[in-house]
Amino acid sequence: MSNQMPRRAADGVGSVMAREAAGLARTRRHFFQECGVGVGKIALAGLLAEATQAAWAGAELPAAAGAMAVRPPHFPGTAKAVIQLFMAGAPSQLDMFDYKPALAKMEGKPIPPEVIGGQRYAFIRPDAGVLGPRFAFAKHGQSGAELSEVLPHLAKVVDKIAIVKSCRTDQFNHAPAQIFMNCGFAQPGRPSMGSWVTYGLGSESRDLPAFVVMSTGGGISGGAANWSSGFLPSLYTGTRFRNAGPPILNVDSPQGADRQLAGDTLELVSELNSRRLSLDGDPEIATRIASYEMAHRLQVSAPELMNLADESTETLALYGCTPEEASFARACLIARRLVERGVRFVTIYHEGWDGHSNVEGNVKNNCGKTDQASAALVADLAQRGMLDETLVVWGGEFGRTPMVEASAVLGRSQGRDHHPNAFTMWLAGGGIKGGVTYGETDDLGFHVTRDEVHVHDLQATILHCLGLDHERLTFRFQGRDFRLTDVHGRVVTGILS
């Protein structure tokens, strides 16, 4: 033993000098000797990498071709796809869904201090005066659900939806609240709900992305963090589509490059990337391969998807859209077409609900743009036999205050501030019981008094409809298992059929 170790050391040093003199490459043995890291640390890093890869449903890291393959749910689900209608900026539930006659009686008077407690606000003082409902309400359908006059189209399908009046969030500013609603955590870096769903179930579409995002307004406060895959492989990140024209720019081959050349190029690049994937096992290489292949297929599938010429005039009239003009209505119709083609998760952001001033005009304007199409989506899915397997979720990141916002400095009057304590969302299809109004708030619409639904509860329920147990859908990252609902959440059984 004493003779071997010096000899090996001498052999190593001697061979290094000899190879340097000869201009030859060093072996892996020399790397381990000289890198300063140590074989033990390298082995530990390898074990940690293997543990991370094993989190992929207990299997080996999938190749690009299989990363989006359909995977079985934890149990039979009632929904196969989700269309999320995200009303960014936070609609005023008090002027649309949660009628409070007491607010009209108290208009201009401050809410009692004991009601407010330690509640914080973004722009108003806690002792601001009450602002009553801006619109008339009436009961509709066999369920007798109460809706504002600015929702005449939703009133026609009210027996197909479940209205949840008792939602609550932990956040009271737009960006963290939007990220929290989508990712279960207020800071960027966690996977979004669409990413979790496609990671858990895969996709039934080969020619379109599994998770598609569209927007029909200005900037989204939470930005791309709302549809990020976070620490999941970026293959599961949402793909942003434009609302008109080609959904993704620069997908078409350049002039002079025919499909044969494009196909040959893709085949070569894919082969090179696949070799690297087999060597490194890096999931981002699988993402790269899948992205190239998807871009190639989108050259055919995208124009067909966006061409509404095959939609009947009755369908276009139902949604209230034209074949070419970008709008929320057109996005809803495209969402239906996406789900028909096997897309797993679609989110449409409609920005502009931040009614700090003239909340009456804000609600009326936005309902004029979204009410008909939202209701049409439910009705269209139902008449096509798709509603039972498609879950539609409508809502924003939080609600609005029962108190008025007015500021001469900011030029605001007759508005409502951010309110995380109580707001309304509605769901339809995919295992949701229609004609249900769930939860209650107090007489002033300030606090939830019955059947509170926290954001994590809502997320747990959406996953449940898809056949996913929110406590079992996990991914190991930085030494622990993460999930969409963090360490909270319960399924809201009261709205399930």
Protein backbone atom coordinates (compact mmCIF):
# COMPACT_ATOMS: atom_id res chain seq x y z
CA MET A 1 0.00 0.00 0.00
CA SER A 2 2.82 2.35 0.89
CA ASN A 3 4.43 1.71 -2.44
CA GLN A 4 1.22 2.17 -4.47
CA MET A 5 0.07 5.58 -3.27
CA PRO A 6 3.32 7.46 -3.96
CA ARG A 7 3.54 5.76 -7.30
CA ARG A 8 0.02 6.87 -8.28
CA ALA A 9 0.73 10.39 -7.16
CA ALA A 10 4.00 10.42 -9.04
CA ASP A 11 2.34 8.90 -12.08
CA GLY A 12 -0.29 11.64 -12.02
CA VAL A 13 2.15 14.51 -11.78
CA GLY A 14 4.51 12.93 -14.28
CA SER A 15 1.77 12.24 -16.78
CA VAL A 16 0.50 15.81 -16.49
CA MET A 17 3.92 17.20 -17.28
CA ALA A 18 4.40 14.72 -20.10
CA ARG A 19 1.01 15.46 -21.63
CA GLU A 20 1.51 19.20 -21.36
CA ALA A 21 4.80 18.82 -23.13
CA ALA A 22 3.17 16.67 -25.79
CA GLY A 23 0.14 18.98 -26.10
CA LEU A 24 -2.28 16.15 -25.25
CA ALA A 25 -5.67 16.46 -23.46
CA ARG A 26 -5.93 15.54 -19.80
CA THR A 27 -7.93 12.58 -18.57
CA ARG A 28 -10.84 12.64 -16.12
CA ARG A 29 -8.46 11.35 -13.41
CA HIS A 30 -6.39 14.52 -13.69
CA PHE A 31 -9.53 16.64 -13.44
CA PHE A 32 -10.51 15.01 -10.14
CA GLN A 33 -6.99 15.53 -8.80
CA GLU A 34 -6.71 19.19 -9.72
CA CYS A 35 -10.21 20.70 -9.76
CA GLY A 36 -10.26 21.42 -6.01
CA VAL A 37 -13.84 20.17 -5.64
CA GLY A 38 -13.30 16.60 -4.62
CA VAL A 39 -14.95 13.38 -5.71
CA GLY A 40 -17.16 13.33 -2.62
CA LYS A 41 -18.77 16.65 -3.42
CA ILE A 42 -19.28 15.66 -7.04
CA ALA A 43 -20.93 12.42 -5.95
CA LEU A 44 -23.21 14.31 -3.57
CA ALA A 45 -24.24 16.70 -6.34
CA GLY A 46 -25.01 13.72 -8.53
CA LEU A 47 -27.20 12.13 -5.86
CA LEU A 48 -29.13 15.38 -5.36
CA ALA A 49 -29.65 15.68 -9.11
CA GLU A 50 -30.97 12.12 -9.24
CA ALA A 51 -33.36 12.86 -6.37
CA THR A 52 -34.69 15.90 -8.22
CA GLN A 53 -35.18 13.90 -11.41
CA ALA A 54 -36.96 11.14 -9.49
CA ALA A 55 -39.62 13.66 -8.52
CA TRP A 56 -41.02 13.37 -12.05
CA ALA A 57 -43.85 11.08 -10.99
CA GLY A 58 -41.37 8.51 -9.68
CA ALA A 59 -39.92 7.91 -13.13
CA GLU A 60 -36.78 8.82 -14.99
CA LEU A 61 -36.54 12.29 -16.45
CA PRO A 62 -38.71 12.11 -19.59
CA ALA A 63 -37.31 12.81 -22.99
CA ALA A 64 -38.72 15.73 -24.95
CA ALA A 65 -41.17 13.53 -26.81
CA GLY A 66 -42.69 12.16 -23.61
CA ALA A 67 -42.54 15.14 -21.29
CA MET A 68 -46.04 16.21 -22.30
CA ALA A 69 -47.49 12.73 -22.68
CA VAL A 70 -50.88 12.24 -21.05
CA ARG A 71 -50.41 11.01 -17.49
CA PRO A 72 -53.12 9.48 -15.29
CA PRO A 73 -54.63 11.63 -12.52
CA HIS A 74 -54.57 10.61 -8.88
CA PHE A 75 -58.25 9.66 -9.16
CA PRO A 76 -60.94 10.02 -11.84
CA GLY A 77 -61.52 13.73 -12.37
CA THR A 78 -64.59 15.52 -13.64
CA ALA A 79 -62.65 18.00 -15.79
CA LYS A 80 -60.02 17.54 -18.47
CA ALA A 81 -59.25 21.20 -19.12
CA VAL A 82 -59.48 24.63 -17.46
CA ILE A 83 -60.33 28.03 -18.95
CA GLN A 84 -59.42 30.75 -16.47
CA LEU A 85 -60.97 34.17 -17.09
CA PHE A 86 -58.76 36.41 -14.97
CA MET A 87 -60.23 39.86 -14.36
CA ALA A 88 -56.97 41.64 -13.54
CA GLY A 89 -57.31 44.74 -11.38
CA ALA A 90 -60.06 43.28 -9.17
CA PRO A 91 -63.76 43.72 -10.06
CA SER A 92 -66.10 45.32 -7.55
CA GLN A 93 -68.11 42.44 -6.10
CA LEU A 94 -70.40 44.92 -4.33
CA ASP A 95 -71.57 46.34 -7.67
CA MET A 96 -71.90 43.01 -9.48
CA PHE A 97 -72.60 40.02 -7.22
CA ASP A 98 -72.87 40.80 -3.51
CA TYR A 99 -75.84 43.12 -3.01
CA LYS A 100 -75.81 45.03 0.29
CA PRO A 101 -78.86 47.26 0.92
CA ALA A 102 -77.28 48.41 4.20
CA LEU A 103 -74.56 50.18 2.24
CA ALA A 104 -77.15 52.31 0.46
CA LYS A 105 -78.65 53.32 3.80
CA MET A 106 -75.23 54.20 5.24
CA GLU A 107 -73.85 56.02 2.20
CA GLY A 108 -71.47 58.78 3.25
CA LYS A 109 -71.22 57.58 6.86
CA PRO A 110 -68.05 55.90 8.19
CA ILE A 111 -68.10 52.18 8.90
CA PRO A 112 -67.91 51.46 12.66
CA PRO A 113 -64.26 51.10 13.81
CA GLU A 114 -64.93 47.67 15.32
CA VAL A 115 -65.80 46.37 11.84
CA ILE A 116 -62.60 47.62 10.30
CA GLY A 117 -60.24 46.42 13.03
CA GLY A 118 -56.62 46.50 11.91
CA GLN A 119 -57.37 46.29 8.19
CA ARG A 120 -54.81 48.04 5.98
CA TYR A 121 -55.61 49.82 2.72
CA ALA A 122 -53.60 50.88 -0.29
CA PHE A 123 -55.02 54.38 -0.83
CA ILE A 124 -57.75 55.33 1.65
CA ARG A 125 -58.16 55.98 5.35
CA PRO A 126 -60.08 53.39 7.38
CA ASP A 127 -62.66 56.02 8.38
CA ALA A 128 -63.64 56.81 4.77
CA GLY A 129 -67.37 57.04 4.16
CA VAL A 130 -69.52 54.21 2.84
CA LEU A 131 -70.28 53.95 -0.89
CA GLY A 132 -73.54 52.19 -1.70
CA PRO A 133 -74.19 49.86 -4.65
CA ARG A 134 -74.00 51.68 -7.98
CA PHE A 135 -76.49 49.45 -9.81
CA ALA A 136 -79.83 47.75 -9.32
CA PHE A 137 -79.90 44.02 -8.52
CA ALA A 138 -82.45 41.33 -9.36
CA LYS A 139 -82.88 37.58 -8.92
CA HIS A 140 -82.50 35.29 -11.92
CA GLY A 141 -83.03 31.70 -12.97
CA GLN A 142 -84.54 28.86 -11.02
CA SER A 143 -81.80 29.31 -8.45
CA GLY A 144 -82.82 32.89 -7.74
CA ALA A 145 -79.21 34.08 -7.80
CA GLU A 146 -78.92 37.82 -7.35
CA LEU A 147 -76.98 39.72 -10.00
CA SER A 148 -76.40 43.33 -10.94
CA GLU A 149 -78.08 44.86 -13.96
CA VAL A 150 -74.67 45.15 -15.66
CA LEU A 151 -74.59 41.34 -16.07
CA PRO A 152 -77.62 40.65 -18.30
CA HIS A 153 -75.90 37.87 -20.26
CA LEU A 154 -74.55 36.04 -17.22
CA ALA A 155 -78.10 36.14 -15.85
CA LYS A 156 -79.15 33.85 -18.74
CA VAL A 157 -76.73 31.08 -17.68
CA VAL A 158 -76.84 31.68 -13.92
CA ASP A 159 -78.22 28.20 -13.28
CA LYS A 160 -75.06 26.72 -14.82
CA ILE A 161 -72.61 28.54 -12.55
CA ALA A 162 -71.62 28.48 -8.88
CA ILE A 163 -71.18 31.95 -7.37
CA VAL A 164 -68.73 32.00 -4.47
CA LYS A 165 -69.21 35.18 -2.40
CA SER A 166 -66.83 34.27 0.42
CA CYS A 167 -63.39 34.37 -1.20
CA ARG A 168 -60.44 35.74 0.76
CA THR A 169 -56.78 36.37 -0.01
CA ASP A 170 -53.68 37.28 1.99
CA GLN A 171 -52.56 40.05 -0.37
CA PHE A 172 -53.87 43.58 -0.94
CA ASN A 173 -51.67 44.89 -3.77
CA HIS A 174 -52.07 43.82 -7.39
CA ALA A 175 -48.79 42.13 -8.34
CA PRO A 176 -48.41 39.93 -5.25
CA ALA A 177 -52.15 39.18 -5.20
CA GLN A 178 -52.19 38.11 -8.86
CA ILE A 179 -49.13 35.91 -8.35
CA PHE A 180 -50.68 34.49 -5.18
CA MET A 181 -53.90 33.62 -7.01
CA ASN A 182 -51.99 31.91 -9.80
CA CYS A 183 -49.02 30.41 -7.95
CA GLY A 184 -50.14 30.00 -4.33
CA PHE A 185 -47.30 32.25 -3.16
CA ALA A 186 -46.94 36.03 -3.31
CA GLN A 187 -43.37 36.27 -4.59
CA PRO A 188 -42.20 35.27 -8.09
CA GLY A 189 -40.42 31.96 -8.48
CA ARG A 190 -43.14 29.39 -7.81
CA PRO A 191 -44.87 27.39 -10.56
CA SER A 192 -48.23 28.69 -11.76
CA MET A 193 -51.42 26.68 -11.62
CA GLY A 194 -51.33 25.96 -15.35
CA SER A 195 -47.77 24.69 -14.98
CA TRP A 196 -48.71 22.41 -12.09
CA VAL A 197 -51.64 21.02 -14.07
CA THR A 198 -49.61 20.27 -17.20
CA TYR A 199 -46.81 18.80 -15.07
CA GLY A 200 -49.34 16.51 -13.40
CA LEU A 201 -51.47 15.53 -16.40
CA GLY A 202 -49.52 16.26 -19.56
CA SER A 203 -51.30 17.37 -22.72
CA GLU A 204 -53.72 15.82 -25.17
CA SER A 205 -52.58 18.18 -27.91
CA ARG A 206 -49.52 17.42 -30.01
CA ASP A 207 -49.74 20.49 -32.24
CA LEU A 208 -50.44 23.22 -29.68
CA PRO A 209 -48.87 24.20 -26.34
CA ALA A 210 -50.45 22.56 -23.29
CA PHE A 211 -50.76 25.87 -21.40
CA VAL A 212 -51.76 29.00 -23.33
CA VAL A 213 -52.03 32.59 -22.07
CA MET A 214 -53.77 35.54 -23.74
CA SER A 215 -54.50 39.10 -22.63
CA THR A 216 -57.02 41.70 -23.75
CA GLY A 217 -55.91 44.92 -22.13
CA GLY A 218 -52.93 46.80 -20.75
CA GLY A 219 -50.07 45.49 -18.67
CA ILE A 220 -50.56 42.71 -16.12
CA SER A 221 -49.25 43.76 -12.71
CA GLY A 222 -47.76 40.36 -11.84
CA GLY A 223 -46.25 39.98 -15.31
CA ALA A 224 -44.93 36.69 -16.63
CA ALA A 225 -44.59 35.34 -13.07
CA ASN A 226 -48.32 34.62 -13.32
CA TRP A 227 -47.74 31.88 -15.89
CA SER A 228 -44.16 30.90 -15.08
CA SER A 229 -43.15 27.29 -14.41
CA GLY A 230 -40.97 28.49 -11.52
CA PHE A 231 -38.66 25.70 -10.41
CA LEU A 232 -40.46 23.15 -12.57
CA PRO A 233 -38.76 22.49 -15.93
CA SER A 234 -39.51 25.44 -18.21
CA LEU A 235 -41.29 23.07 -20.58
CA TYR A 236 -44.35 23.72 -18.38
CA THR A 237 -44.28 27.52 -18.69
CA GLY A 238 -47.38 29.09 -20.24
CA THR A 239 -47.08 30.12 -23.89
CA ARG A 240 -48.22 33.69 -24.56
CA PHE A 241 -50.51 33.98 -27.61
CA ARG A 242 -51.46 37.19 -29.37
CA ASN A 243 -55.19 37.88 -29.67
CA ALA A 244 -55.19 38.51 -33.43
CA GLY A 245 -53.08 37.57 -36.41
CA PRO A 246 -50.34 34.96 -35.94
CA PRO A 247 -50.48 33.89 -32.27
CA ILE A 248 -46.68 33.83 -32.05
CA LEU A 249 -44.41 36.09 -34.07
CA ASN A 250 -41.55 34.75 -36.20
CA VAL A 251 -42.81 31.16 -36.27
CA ASP A 252 -43.08 31.03 -40.07
CA SER A 253 -39.99 30.02 -42.03
CA PRO A 254 -38.10 32.89 -43.68
CA GLN A 255 -38.59 33.56 -47.36
CA GLY A 256 -36.81 30.99 -49.51
CA ALA A 257 -36.84 28.25 -46.86
CA ASP A 258 -39.43 25.63 -47.70
CA ARG A 259 -40.89 23.09 -45.28
CA GLN A 260 -38.47 20.39 -46.45
CA LEU A 261 -35.47 22.52 -45.51
CA ALA A 262 -37.12 23.54 -42.24
CA GLY A 263 -37.84 19.89 -41.43
CA ASP A 264 -34.30 18.77 -42.22
CA THR A 265 -32.87 21.58 -40.09
CA LEU A 266 -35.14 20.70 -37.20
CA GLU A 267 -34.19 17.02 -37.46
CA LEU A 268 -30.48 17.85 -37.28
CA VAL A 269 -30.86 20.27 -34.36
CA SER A 270 -33.07 17.79 -32.53
CA GLU A 271 -30.53 15.01 -32.97
CA LEU A 272 -27.73 17.17 -31.56
CA ASN A 273 -29.86 18.31 -28.64
CA SER A 274 -30.99 14.73 -27.94
CA ARG A 275 -27.40 13.58 -27.72
CA ARG A 276 -26.66 16.33 -25.23
CA LEU A 277 -29.79 15.44 -23.26
CA SER A 278 -28.68 11.81 -22.98
CA LEU A 279 -25.32 12.97 -21.62
CA ASP A 280 -26.43 15.73 -19.25
CA GLY A 281 -30.02 14.81 -18.31
CA ASP A 282 -30.79 18.54 -18.13
CA PRO A 283 -34.58 19.10 -18.40
CA GLU A 284 -33.96 22.47 -20.03
CA ILE A 285 -32.52 20.65 -23.05
CA ALA A 286 -35.78 18.70 -23.28
CA THR A 287 -37.58 22.05 -23.20
CA ARG A 288 -35.40 23.33 -26.03
CA ILE A 289 -36.13 20.26 -28.16
CA ALA A 290 -39.85 20.49 -27.50
CA SER A 291 -39.89 24.22 -28.29
CA TYR A 292 -38.27 23.72 -31.69
CA GLU A 293 -40.66 20.90 -32.52
CA MET A 294 -43.70 22.86 -31.34
CA ALA A 295 -42.68 25.91 -33.38
CA HIS A 296 -42.46 23.69 -36.46
CA ARG A 297 -45.92 22.23 -35.88
CA LEU A 298 -47.38 25.67 -35.10
CA GLN A 299 -46.65 26.70 -38.67
CA VAL A 300 -49.62 24.53 -39.62
CA SER A 301 -51.75 24.44 -36.46
CA ALA A 302 -51.64 28.14 -35.53
CA PRO A 303 -53.18 29.57 -38.74
CA GLU A 304 -55.94 26.95 -38.57
CA LEU A 305 -56.60 27.76 -34.90
CA MET A 306 -56.82 31.51 -35.40
CA ASN A 307 -58.93 31.36 -38.57
CA LEU A 308 -62.52 31.78 -37.40
CA ALA A 309 -63.98 31.45 -40.89
CA ASP A 310 -65.33 28.00 -40.03
CA GLU A 311 -67.33 29.41 -37.10
CA SER A 312 -70.98 30.05 -37.85
CA THR A 313 -72.47 33.53 -37.85
CA GLU A 314 -74.64 32.38 -34.94
CA THR A 315 -71.56 31.49 -32.88
CA LEU A 316 -69.83 34.77 -33.66
CA ALA A 317 -72.99 36.64 -32.69
CA LEU A 318 -73.29 34.61 -29.48
CA TYR A 319 -69.83 35.76 -28.37
CA GLY A 320 -70.22 39.21 -29.85
CA CYS A 321 -66.99 39.15 -31.87
CA THR A 322 -65.73 39.47 -35.41
CA PRO A 323 -63.34 36.98 -37.03
CA GLU A 324 -60.35 39.36 -37.13
CA GLU A 325 -60.70 42.11 -34.51
CA ALA A 326 -58.88 41.48 -31.22
CA SER A 327 -61.19 41.47 -28.20
CA PHE A 328 -62.01 39.59 -25.02
CA ALA A 329 -64.86 37.93 -26.90
CA ARG A 330 -62.55 36.67 -29.64
CA ALA A 331 -60.12 35.37 -27.00
CA CYS A 332 -62.94 33.42 -25.34
CA LEU A 333 -63.89 31.83 -28.65
CA ILE A 334 -60.26 30.92 -29.31
CA ALA A 335 -60.09 29.44 -25.80
CA ARG A 336 -62.95 27.12 -26.70
CA ARG A 337 -61.13 26.15 -29.90
CA LEU A 338 -57.93 25.50 -27.94
CA VAL A 339 -59.71 23.18 -25.51
CA GLU A 340 -61.37 21.38 -28.43
CA ARG A 341 -57.88 20.67 -29.74
CA GLY A 342 -56.64 19.16 -26.49
CA VAL A 343 -55.02 22.16 -24.78
CA ARG A 344 -55.04 21.55 -21.03
CA PHE A 345 -55.06 25.05 -19.49
CA VAL A 346 -56.00 28.44 -20.95
CA THR A 347 -55.83 31.77 -19.11
CA ILE A 348 -57.26 34.99 -20.50
CA TYR A 349 -56.27 38.17 -18.66
CA HIS A 350 -58.64 41.09 -19.06
CA GLU A 351 -56.98 44.08 -17.43
CA GLY A 352 -58.59 47.34 -16.39
CA TRP A 353 -60.78 46.54 -13.36
CA ASP A 354 -58.84 48.73 -10.92
CA GLY A 355 -61.70 51.11 -10.06
CA HIS A 356 -60.03 53.61 -7.73
CA SER A 357 -62.09 56.37 -9.30
CA ASN A 358 -65.56 56.28 -10.85
CA VAL A 359 -66.10 52.64 -9.96
CA GLU A 360 -69.54 52.85 -11.59
CA GLY A 361 -68.05 53.72 -14.96
CA ASN A 362 -65.27 51.18 -14.53
CA VAL A 363 -67.66 48.30 -13.84
CA LYS A 364 -70.09 49.29 -16.58
CA ASN A 365 -67.31 49.60 -19.17
CA ASN A 366 -65.63 46.30 -18.31
CA CYS A 367 -68.88 44.37 -18.06
CA GLY A 368 -69.74 45.70 -21.50
CA LYS A 369 -66.56 44.08 -22.80
CA THR A 370 -66.69 40.78 -20.89
CA ASP A 371 -70.22 39.83 -19.78
CA GLN A 372 -71.55 38.59 -23.12
CA ALA A 373 -68.47 36.56 -24.00
CA SER A 374 -68.09 35.02 -20.52
CA ALA A 375 -71.69 33.83 -20.59
CA ALA A 376 -71.36 32.76 -24.24
CA LEU A 377 -68.37 30.59 -23.38
CA VAL A 378 -70.44 28.71 -20.79
CA ALA A 379 -73.43 28.37 -23.13
CA ASP A 380 -71.29 27.36 -26.13
CA LEU A 381 -69.39 24.70 -24.17
CA ALA A 382 -72.71 23.36 -22.87
CA GLN A 383 -74.38 23.09 -26.27
CA ARG A 384 -71.32 21.30 -27.68
CA GLY A 385 -71.28 18.79 -24.83
CA MET A 386 -67.95 20.14 -23.57
CA LEU A 387 -68.95 21.89 -20.35
CA ASP A 388 -68.99 18.71 -18.28
CA GLU A 389 -65.26 18.24 -18.95
CA THR A 390 -64.18 21.89 -19.07
CA LEU A 391 -63.86 23.94 -15.90
CA VAL A 392 -64.42 27.70 -16.32
CA VAL A 393 -63.14 29.98 -13.54
CA TRP A 394 -63.96 33.72 -13.46
CA GLY A 395 -62.54 36.29 -11.03
CA GLY A 396 -59.80 38.72 -10.05
CA GLU A 397 -57.07 38.91 -7.44
CA PHE A 398 -59.16 40.48 -4.63
CA GLY A 399 -62.27 42.62 -4.12
CA ARG A 400 -63.15 46.28 -3.53
CA THR A 401 -63.93 48.16 -0.35
CA PRO A 402 -67.42 49.15 0.82
CA MET A 403 -65.88 52.55 1.61
CA VAL A 404 -65.41 55.25 -1.01
CA GLU A 405 -62.05 56.35 -2.37
CA ALA A 406 -61.68 60.04 -3.07
CA SER A 407 -58.47 62.05 -3.46
CA ALA A 408 -58.16 65.53 -4.90
CA VAL A 409 -54.39 65.07 -5.12
CA LEU A 410 -54.74 61.91 -7.22
CA GLY A 411 -57.82 63.14 -9.05
CA ARG A 412 -59.99 60.31 -7.75
CA SER A 413 -63.61 60.30 -6.65
CA GLN A 414 -66.43 57.77 -6.22
CA GLY A 415 -64.02 54.84 -6.38
CA ARG A 416 -63.31 51.76 -4.25
CA ASP A 417 -59.96 50.65 -2.84
CA HIS A 418 -58.40 47.16 -2.68
CA HIS A 419 -60.12 44.72 -0.34
CA PRO A 420 -58.65 41.25 0.37
CA ASN A 421 -61.10 40.23 3.13
CA ALA A 422 -64.09 39.34 0.94
CA PHE A 423 -64.70 39.07 -2.79
CA THR A 424 -66.63 37.02 -5.33
CA MET A 425 -65.69 34.53 -8.03
CA TRP A 426 -67.75 32.12 -10.11
CA LEU A 427 -67.06 28.69 -11.57
CA ALA A 428 -68.88 26.52 -14.09
CA GLY A 429 -68.63 23.06 -15.63
CA GLY A 430 -66.07 20.35 -14.97
CA GLY A 431 -67.81 18.94 -11.90
CA ILE A 432 -69.10 22.23 -10.45
CA LYS A 433 -72.72 22.31 -9.27
CA GLY A 434 -74.74 24.87 -11.21
CA GLY A 435 -77.26 27.25 -9.66
CA VAL A 436 -75.35 27.50 -6.37
CA THR A 437 -74.53 30.60 -4.35
CA TYR A 438 -71.89 29.68 -1.80
CA GLY A 439 -70.77 31.64 1.25
CA GLU A 440 -71.88 34.91 2.80
CA THR A 441 -70.44 38.22 3.91
CA ASP A 442 -71.67 40.58 6.61
CA ASP A 443 -74.29 43.29 6.00
CA LEU A 444 -71.60 45.70 4.81
CA GLY A 445 -69.76 43.21 2.61
CA PHE A 446 -66.65 43.66 4.71
CA HIS A 447 -65.97 40.24 6.26
CA VAL A 448 -66.85 36.66 5.35
CA THR A 449 -69.39 35.31 7.82
CA ARG A 450 -70.00 31.82 6.40
CA ASP A 451 -68.06 29.24 4.35
CA GLU A 452 -64.85 31.16 3.77
CA VAL A 453 -62.91 30.15 0.64
CA HIS A 454 -59.24 31.03 0.84
CA VAL A 455 -57.17 31.22 -2.36
CA HIS A 456 -55.53 27.90 -1.47
CA ASP A 457 -58.99 26.35 -1.07
CA LEU A 458 -59.93 27.53 -4.55
CA GLN A 459 -56.71 26.08 -5.99
CA ALA A 460 -57.25 22.77 -4.18
CA THR A 461 -60.76 22.58 -5.64
CA ILE A 462 -59.62 23.28 -9.20
CA LEU A 463 -56.99 20.53 -8.94
CA HIS A 464 -59.58 18.19 -7.42
CA CYS A 465 -61.88 18.65 -10.41
CA LEU A 466 -58.99 17.58 -12.62
CA GLY A 467 -58.43 14.44 -10.55
CA LEU A 468 -55.36 15.81 -8.76
CA ASP A 469 -54.87 15.68 -5.00
CA HIS A 470 -53.32 19.04 -4.09
CA GLU A 471 -51.38 17.42 -1.23
CA ARG A 472 -49.85 14.77 -3.52
CA LEU A 473 -49.02 16.94 -6.54
CA THR A 474 -45.52 17.88 -5.39
CA PHE A 475 -42.05 18.61 -6.74
CA ARG A 476 -38.85 18.33 -4.73
CA PHE A 477 -36.78 21.49 -4.88
CA GLN A 478 -33.95 22.67 -2.63
CA GLY A 479 -34.40 19.75 -0.29
CA ARG A 480 -38.16 19.75 0.28
CA ASP A 481 -41.41 19.00 -1.49
CA PHE A 482 -43.36 21.99 -2.79
CA ARG A 483 -46.97 22.14 -3.93
CA LEU A 484 -49.36 24.76 -5.36
CA THR A 485 -51.28 25.18 -2.09
CA ASP A 486 -48.15 25.50 0.07
CA VAL A 487 -49.15 23.86 3.39
CA HIS A 488 -52.81 24.87 3.36
CA GLY A 489 -55.96 24.30 1.34
CA ARG A 490 -59.12 22.23 1.43
CA VAL A 491 -61.47 21.15 -1.33
CA VAL A 492 -64.70 23.20 -1.34
CA THR A 493 -67.13 20.28 -1.53
CA GLY A 494 -70.17 22.56 -1.29
CA ILE A 495 -69.84 23.64 -4.93
CA LEU A 496 -69.12 20.20 -6.37
CA SER A 497 -71.80 18.26 -8.23
